[in-house]
């Protein structure tokens, strides 16, 4: 990770990495094992965190422009 990232940007990158790493696995589980095989709460948390931090970054970027 670049040294020049703010704390907010570091959190965002971390959330996006988690999104990248876990979403595929969870979707595969849901589609192969059926809906009851997917840990929906974990998937919802990953998606919610990434979306929230992306929205926060938009606000930060908008304030800079």
PDB file of N, CA and C in Angstrom:
ATOM      1  N   UNK A   1       0.838  -1.166   0.000  1.00  0.00           N
ATOM      2  CA  UNK A   1       0.000   0.000   0.000  1.00  0.00           C
ATOM      3  C   UNK A   1       0.893   1.242   0.000  1.00  0.00           C
ATOM      4  N   UNK A   2       0.549   2.252  -0.789  1.00  0.00           N
ATOM      5  CA  UNK A   2       1.367   3.465  -0.810  1.00  0.00           C
ATOM      6  C   UNK A   2       1.425   4.132   0.562  1.00  0.00           C
ATOM      7  N   UNK A   3       2.547   4.767   0.847  1.00  0.00           N
ATOM      8  CA  UNK A   3       2.740   5.422   2.144  1.00  0.00           C
ATOM      9  C   UNK A   3       1.894   6.677   2.304  1.00  0.00           C
ATOM     10  N   UNK A   4       1.471   7.265   1.207  1.00  0.00           N
ATOM     11  CA  UNK A   4       0.812   8.565   1.265  1.00  0.00           C
ATOM     12  C   UNK A   4      -0.706   8.496   1.440  1.00  0.00           C
ATOM     13  N   UNK A   5      -1.254   7.335   1.740  1.00  0.00           N
ATOM     14  CA  UNK A   5      -2.694   7.220   1.942  1.00  0.00           C
ATOM     15  C   UNK A   5      -3.087   7.749   3.318  1.00  0.00           C
ATOM     16  N   UNK A   6      -4.225   8.437   3.346  1.00  0.00           N
ATOM     17  CA  UNK A   6      -4.773   8.864   4.632  1.00  0.00           C
ATOM     18  C   UNK A   6      -5.357   7.651   5.347  1.00  0.00           C
ATOM     19  N   UNK A   7      -5.715   7.826   6.597  1.00  0.00           N
ATOM     20  CA  UNK A   7      -6.326   6.741   7.369  1.00  0.00           C
ATOM     21  C   UNK A   7      -7.626   6.282   6.707  1.00  0.00           C
ATOM     22  N   UNK A   8      -8.425   7.245   6.235  1.00  0.00           N
ATOM     23  CA  UNK A   8      -9.681   6.907   5.569  1.00  0.00           C
ATOM     24  C   UNK A   8      -9.429   6.107   4.294  1.00  0.00           C
ATOM     25  N   UNK A   9      -8.429   6.507   3.527  1.00  0.00           N
ATOM     26  CA  UNK A   9      -8.110   5.790   2.291  1.00  0.00           C
ATOM     27  C   UNK A   9      -7.569   4.397   2.589  1.00  0.00           C
ATOM     28  N   UNK A  10      -6.793   4.267   3.644  1.00  0.00           N
ATOM     29  CA  UNK A  10      -6.281   2.950   4.037  1.00  0.00           C
ATOM     30  C   UNK A  10      -7.436   2.029   4.410  1.00  0.00           C
ATOM     31  N   UNK A  11      -8.401   2.559   5.159  1.00  0.00           N
ATOM     32  CA  UNK A  11      -9.588   1.771   5.512  1.00  0.00           C
ATOM     33  C   UNK A  11     -10.345   1.345   4.258  1.00  0.00           C
ATOM     34  N   UNK A  12     -10.468   2.257   3.301  1.00  0.00           N
ATOM     35  CA  UNK A  12     -11.172   1.954   2.056  1.00  0.00           C
ATOM     36  C   UNK A  12     -10.455   0.858   1.282  1.00  0.00           C
ATOM     37  N   UNK A  13      -9.154   0.978   1.128  1.00  0.00           N
ATOM     38  CA  UNK A  13      -8.385  -0.035   0.398  1.00  0.00           C
ATOM     39  C   UNK A  13      -8.490  -1.389   1.101  1.00  0.00           C
ATOM     40  N   UNK A  14      -8.409  -1.383   2.414  1.00  0.00           N
ATOM     41  CA  UNK A  14      -8.545  -2.630   3.170  1.00  0.00           C
ATOM     42  C   UNK A  14      -9.915  -3.259   2.939  1.00  0.00           C
ATOM     43  N   UNK A  15     -10.963  -2.446   2.953  1.00  0.00           N
ATOM     44  CA  UNK A  15     -12.318  -2.955   2.711  1.00  0.00           C
ATOM     45  C   UNK A  15     -12.457  -3.497   1.291  1.00  0.00           C
ATOM     46  N   UNK A  16     -11.851  -2.830   0.322  1.00  0.00           N
ATOM     47  CA  UNK A  16     -11.936  -3.297  -1.063  1.00  0.00           C
ATOM     48  C   UNK A  16     -11.166  -4.599  -1.261  1.00  0.00           C
ATOM     49  N   UNK A  17     -10.050  -4.738  -0.584  1.00  0.00           N
ATOM     50  CA  UNK A  17      -9.300  -6.000  -0.651  1.00  0.00           C
ATOM     51  C   UNK A  17     -10.133  -7.126  -0.048  1.00  0.00           C
ATOM     52  N   UNK A  18     -10.764  -6.856   1.077  1.00  0.00           N
ATOM     53  CA  UNK A  18     -11.642  -7.860   1.701  1.00  0.00           C
ATOM     54  C   UNK A  18     -12.795  -8.207   0.760  1.00  0.00           C
ATOM     55  N   UNK A  19     -13.361  -7.200   0.120  1.00  0.00           N
ATOM     56  CA  UNK A  19     -14.436  -7.420  -0.851  1.00  0.00           C
ATOM     57  C   UNK A  19     -13.955  -8.312  -1.986  1.00  0.00           C
ATOM     58  N   UNK A  20     -12.796  -8.010  -2.519  1.00  0.00           N
ATOM     59  CA  UNK A  20     -12.222  -8.800  -3.608  1.00  0.00           C
ATOM     60  C   UNK A  20     -11.964 -10.236  -3.180  1.00  0.00           C
ATOM     61  N   UNK A  21     -11.404 -10.399  -2.009  1.00  0.00           N
ATOM     62  CA  UNK A  21     -10.984 -11.729  -1.567  1.00  0.00           C
ATOM     63  C   UNK A  21     -12.138 -12.622  -1.120  1.00  0.00           C
ATOM     64  N   UNK A  22     -13.159 -12.066  -0.532  1.00  0.00           N
ATOM     65  CA  UNK A  22     -14.207 -12.889   0.080  1.00  0.00           C
ATOM     66  C   UNK A  22     -15.482 -13.022  -0.761  1.00  0.00           C
ATOM     67  N   UNK A  23     -15.812 -12.022  -1.569  1.00  0.00           N
ATOM     68  CA  UNK A  23     -17.091 -12.047  -2.270  1.00  0.00           C
ATOM     69  C   UNK A  23     -17.222 -13.254  -3.179  1.00  0.00           C
ATOM     70  N   UNK A  24     -16.204 -13.532  -3.975  1.00  0.00           N
ATOM     71  CA  UNK A  24     -16.265 -14.677  -4.883  1.00  0.00           C
ATOM     72  C   UNK A  24     -16.500 -15.977  -4.144  1.00  0.00           C
ATOM     73  N   UNK A  25     -15.779 -16.156  -3.056  1.00  0.00           N
ATOM     74  CA  UNK A  25     -15.925 -17.370  -2.245  1.00  0.00           C
ATOM     75  C   UNK A  25     -17.350 -17.504  -1.707  1.00  0.00           C
ATOM     76  N   UNK A  26     -17.892 -16.406  -1.214  1.00  0.00           N
ATOM     77  CA  UNK A  26     -19.230 -16.459  -0.624  1.00  0.00           C
ATOM     78  C   UNK A  26     -20.306 -16.667  -1.681  1.00  0.00           C
ATOM     79  N   UNK A  27     -20.137 -16.058  -2.850  1.00  0.00           N
ATOM     80  CA  UNK A  27     -21.106 -16.250  -3.935  1.00  0.00           C
ATOM     81  C   UNK A  27     -21.058 -17.689  -4.434  1.00  0.00           C
ATOM     82  N   UNK A  28     -19.867 -18.251  -4.557  1.00  0.00           N
ATOM     83  CA  UNK A  28     -19.742 -19.656  -4.965  1.00  0.00           C
ATOM     84  C   UNK A  28     -20.444 -20.551  -3.953  1.00  0.00           C
ATOM     85  N   UNK A  29     -20.240 -20.290  -2.682  1.00  0.00           N
ATOM     86  CA  UNK A  29     -20.919 -21.096  -1.655  1.00  0.00           C
ATOM     87  C   UNK A  29     -22.431 -20.987  -1.781  1.00  0.00           C
ATOM     88  N   UNK A  30     -22.922 -19.793  -2.022  1.00  0.00           N
ATOM     89  CA  UNK A  30     -24.369 -19.595  -2.132  1.00  0.00           C
ATOM     90  C   UNK A  30     -24.938 -20.303  -3.349  1.00  0.00           C
ATOM     91  N   UNK A  31     -24.169 -20.332  -4.444  1.00  0.00           N
ATOM     92  CA  UNK A  31     -24.689 -20.934  -5.670  1.00  0.00           C
ATOM     93  C   UNK A  31     -24.467 -22.435  -5.735  1.00  0.00           C
ATOM     94  N   UNK A  32     -23.479 -22.951  -5.035  1.00  0.00           N
ATOM     95  CA  UNK A  32     -23.243 -24.395  -5.077  1.00  0.00           C
ATOM     96  C   UNK A  32     -23.908 -25.130  -3.920  1.00  0.00           C
ATOM     97  N   UNK A  33     -23.932 -24.509  -2.757  1.00  0.00           N
ATOM     98  CA  UNK A  33     -24.529 -25.146  -1.586  1.00  0.00           C
ATOM     99  C   UNK A  33     -25.973 -24.714  -1.369  1.00  0.00           C
ATOM    100  N   UNK A  34     -26.408 -23.751  -2.157  1.00  0.00           N
ATOM    101  CA  UNK A  34     -27.750 -23.217  -1.982  1.00  0.00           C
ATOM    102  C   UNK A  34     -27.737 -22.027  -1.036  1.00  0.00           C
ATOM    103  N   UNK A  35     -28.827 -21.285  -1.040  1.00  0.00           N
ATOM    104  CA  UNK A  35     -28.889 -20.076  -0.212  1.00  0.00           C
ATOM    105  C   UNK A  35     -28.612 -20.322   1.268  1.00  0.00           C
ATOM    106  N   UNK A  36     -28.961 -21.488   1.770  1.00  0.00           N
ATOM    107  CA  UNK A  36     -28.718 -21.743   3.191  1.00  0.00           C
ATOM    108  C   UNK A  36     -27.238 -21.986   3.483  1.00  0.00           C
ATOM    109  N   UNK A  37     -26.419 -22.183   2.433  1.00  0.00           N
ATOM    110  CA  UNK A  37     -24.994 -22.431   2.622  1.00  0.00           C
ATOM    111  C   UNK A  37     -24.149 -21.179   2.665  1.00  0.00           C
ATOM    112  N   UNK A  38     -24.762 -20.032   2.406  1.00  0.00           N
ATOM    113  CA  UNK A  38     -24.003 -18.779   2.373  1.00  0.00           C
ATOM    114  C   UNK A  38     -24.128 -18.050   3.706  1.00  0.00           C
ATOM    115  N   UNK A  39     -23.013 -17.584   4.243  1.00  0.00           N
ATOM    116  CA  UNK A  39     -23.083 -16.770   5.461  1.00  0.00           C
ATOM    117  C   UNK A  39     -23.501 -15.339   5.085  1.00  0.00           C
ATOM    118  N   UNK A  40     -24.792 -15.127   4.981  1.00  0.00           N
ATOM    119  CA  UNK A  40     -25.326 -13.861   4.477  1.00  0.00           C
ATOM    120  C   UNK A  40     -24.908 -12.670   5.323  1.00  0.00           C
ATOM    121  N   UNK A  41     -24.818 -12.851   6.608  1.00  0.00           N
ATOM    122  CA  UNK A  41     -24.430 -11.740   7.472  1.00  0.00           C
ATOM    123  C   UNK A  41     -23.009 -11.277   7.153  1.00  0.00           C
ATOM    124  N   UNK A  42     -22.113 -12.216   6.924  1.00  0.00           N
ATOM    125  CA  UNK A  42     -20.733 -11.862   6.570  1.00  0.00           C
ATOM    126  C   UNK A  42     -20.696 -11.150   5.224  1.00  0.00           C
ATOM    127  N   UNK A  43     -21.434 -11.671   4.244  1.00  0.00           N
ATOM    128  CA  UNK A  43     -21.477 -11.039   2.924  1.00  0.00           C
ATOM    129  C   UNK A  43     -22.067  -9.633   3.025  1.00  0.00           C
ATOM    130  N   UNK A  44     -23.154  -9.480   3.779  1.00  0.00           N
ATOM    131  CA  UNK A  44     -23.777  -8.166   3.950  1.00  0.00           C
ATOM    132  C   UNK A  44     -22.814  -7.186   4.611  1.00  0.00           C
ATOM    133  N   UNK A  45     -22.066  -7.644   5.597  1.00  0.00           N
ATOM    134  CA  UNK A  45     -21.104  -6.784   6.284  1.00  0.00           C
ATOM    135  C   UNK A  45     -20.005  -6.327   5.334  1.00  0.00           C
ATOM    136  N   UNK A  46     -19.498  -7.233   4.522  1.00  0.00           N
ATOM    137  CA  UNK A  46     -18.442  -6.894   3.563  1.00  0.00           C
ATOM    138  C   UNK A  46     -18.946  -5.855   2.565  1.00  0.00           C
ATOM    139  N   UNK A  47     -20.129  -6.093   2.009  1.00  0.00           N
ATOM    140  CA  UNK A  47     -20.698  -5.176   1.021  1.00  0.00           C
ATOM    141  C   UNK A  47     -21.020  -3.822   1.641  1.00  0.00           C
ATOM    142  N   UNK A  48     -21.609  -3.827   2.828  1.00  0.00           N
ATOM    143  CA  UNK A  48     -21.979  -2.587   3.500  1.00  0.00           C
ATOM    144  C   UNK A  48     -20.750  -1.751   3.843  1.00  0.00           C
ATOM    145  N   UNK A  49     -19.724  -2.385   4.360  1.00  0.00           N
ATOM    146  CA  UNK A  49     -18.506  -1.662   4.732  1.00  0.00           C
ATOM    147  C   UNK A  49     -17.846  -1.035   3.512  1.00  0.00           C
ATOM    148  N   UNK A  50     -17.712  -1.809   2.440  1.00  0.00           N
ATOM    149  CA  UNK A  50     -17.087  -1.277   1.225  1.00  0.00           C
ATOM    150  C   UNK A  50     -17.911  -0.128   0.653  1.00  0.00           C
ATOM    151  N   UNK A  51     -19.232  -0.288   0.615  1.00  0.00           N
ATOM    152  CA  UNK A  51     -20.093   0.769   0.076  1.00  0.00           C
ATOM    153  C   UNK A  51     -20.009   2.039   0.925  1.00  0.00           C
ATOM    154  N   UNK A  52     -20.054   1.890   2.238  1.00  0.00           N
ATOM    155  CA  UNK A  52     -19.991   3.050   3.137  1.00  0.00           C
ATOM    156  C   UNK A  52     -18.672   3.799   2.976  1.00  0.00           C
ATOM    157  N   UNK A  53     -17.572   3.072   2.916  1.00  0.00           N
ATOM    158  CA  UNK A  53     -16.267   3.721   2.788  1.00  0.00           C
ATOM    159  C   UNK A  53     -16.089   4.350   1.410  1.00  0.00           C
ATOM    160  N   UNK A  54     -16.670   3.751   0.377  1.00  0.00           N
ATOM    161  CA  UNK A  54     -16.636   4.369  -0.957  1.00  0.00           C
ATOM    162  C   UNK A  54     -17.413   5.686  -0.949  1.00  0.00           C
ATOM    163  N   UNK A  55     -18.599   5.683  -0.318  1.00  0.00           N
ATOM    164  CA  UNK A  55     -19.385   6.923  -0.220  1.00  0.00           C
ATOM    165  C   UNK A  55     -18.620   7.985   0.563  1.00  0.00           C
ATOM    166  N   UNK A  56     -17.971   7.587   1.644  1.00  0.00           N
ATOM    167  CA  UNK A  56     -17.173   8.542   2.418  1.00  0.00           C
ATOM    168  C   UNK A  56     -16.059   9.138   1.569  1.00  0.00           C
ATOM    169  N   UNK A  57     -15.420   8.322   0.749  1.00  0.00           N
ATOM    170  CA  UNK A  57     -14.332   8.810  -0.098  1.00  0.00           C
ATOM    171  C   UNK A  57     -14.852   9.794  -1.140  1.00  0.00           C
ATOM    172  N   UNK A  58     -16.059   9.555  -1.646  1.00  0.00           N
ATOM    173  CA  UNK A  58     -16.670  10.496  -2.595  1.00  0.00           C
ATOM    174  C   UNK A  58     -16.857  11.852  -1.924  1.00  0.00           C
ATOM    175  N   UNK A  59     -17.321  11.853  -0.691  1.00  0.00           N
ATOM    176  CA  UNK A  59     -17.507  13.106   0.049  1.00  0.00           C
ATOM    177  C   UNK A  59     -16.164  13.793   0.259  1.00  0.00           C
ATOM    178  N   UNK A  60     -15.152  13.036   0.651  1.00  0.00           N
ATOM    179  CA  UNK A  60     -13.814  13.603   0.859  1.00  0.00           C
ATOM    180  C   UNK A  60     -13.274  14.171  -0.449  1.00  0.00           C
ATOM    181  N   UNK A  61     -13.394  13.408  -1.530  1.00  0.00           N
ATOM    182  CA  UNK A  61     -12.905  13.879  -2.830  1.00  0.00           C
ATOM    183  C   UNK A  61     -13.664  15.117  -3.284  1.00  0.00           C
ATOM    184  N   UNK A  62     -14.959  15.155  -3.022  1.00  0.00           N
ATOM    185  CA  UNK A  62     -15.770  16.312  -3.402  1.00  0.00           C
ATOM    186  C   UNK A  62     -15.373  17.556  -2.636  1.00  0.00           C
ATOM    187  N   UNK A  63     -14.970  17.383  -1.387  1.00  0.00           N
ATOM    188  CA  UNK A  63     -14.561  18.518  -0.565  1.00  0.00           C
ATOM    189  C   UNK A  63     -13.231  19.082  -1.031  1.00  0.00           C
ATOM    190  N   UNK A  64     -12.405  18.249  -1.655  1.00  0.00           N
ATOM    191  CA  UNK A  64     -11.087  18.685  -2.119  1.00  0.00           C
ATOM    192  C   UNK A  64     -11.195  19.418  -3.448  1.00  0.00           C
ATOM    193  N   UNK A  65     -12.139  18.963  -4.309  1.00  0.00           N
ATOM    194  CA  UNK A  65     -12.260  19.558  -5.651  1.00  0.00           C
ATOM    195  C   UNK A  65     -12.737  20.951  -5.623  1.00  0.00           C
TER     196      UNK A  65
END
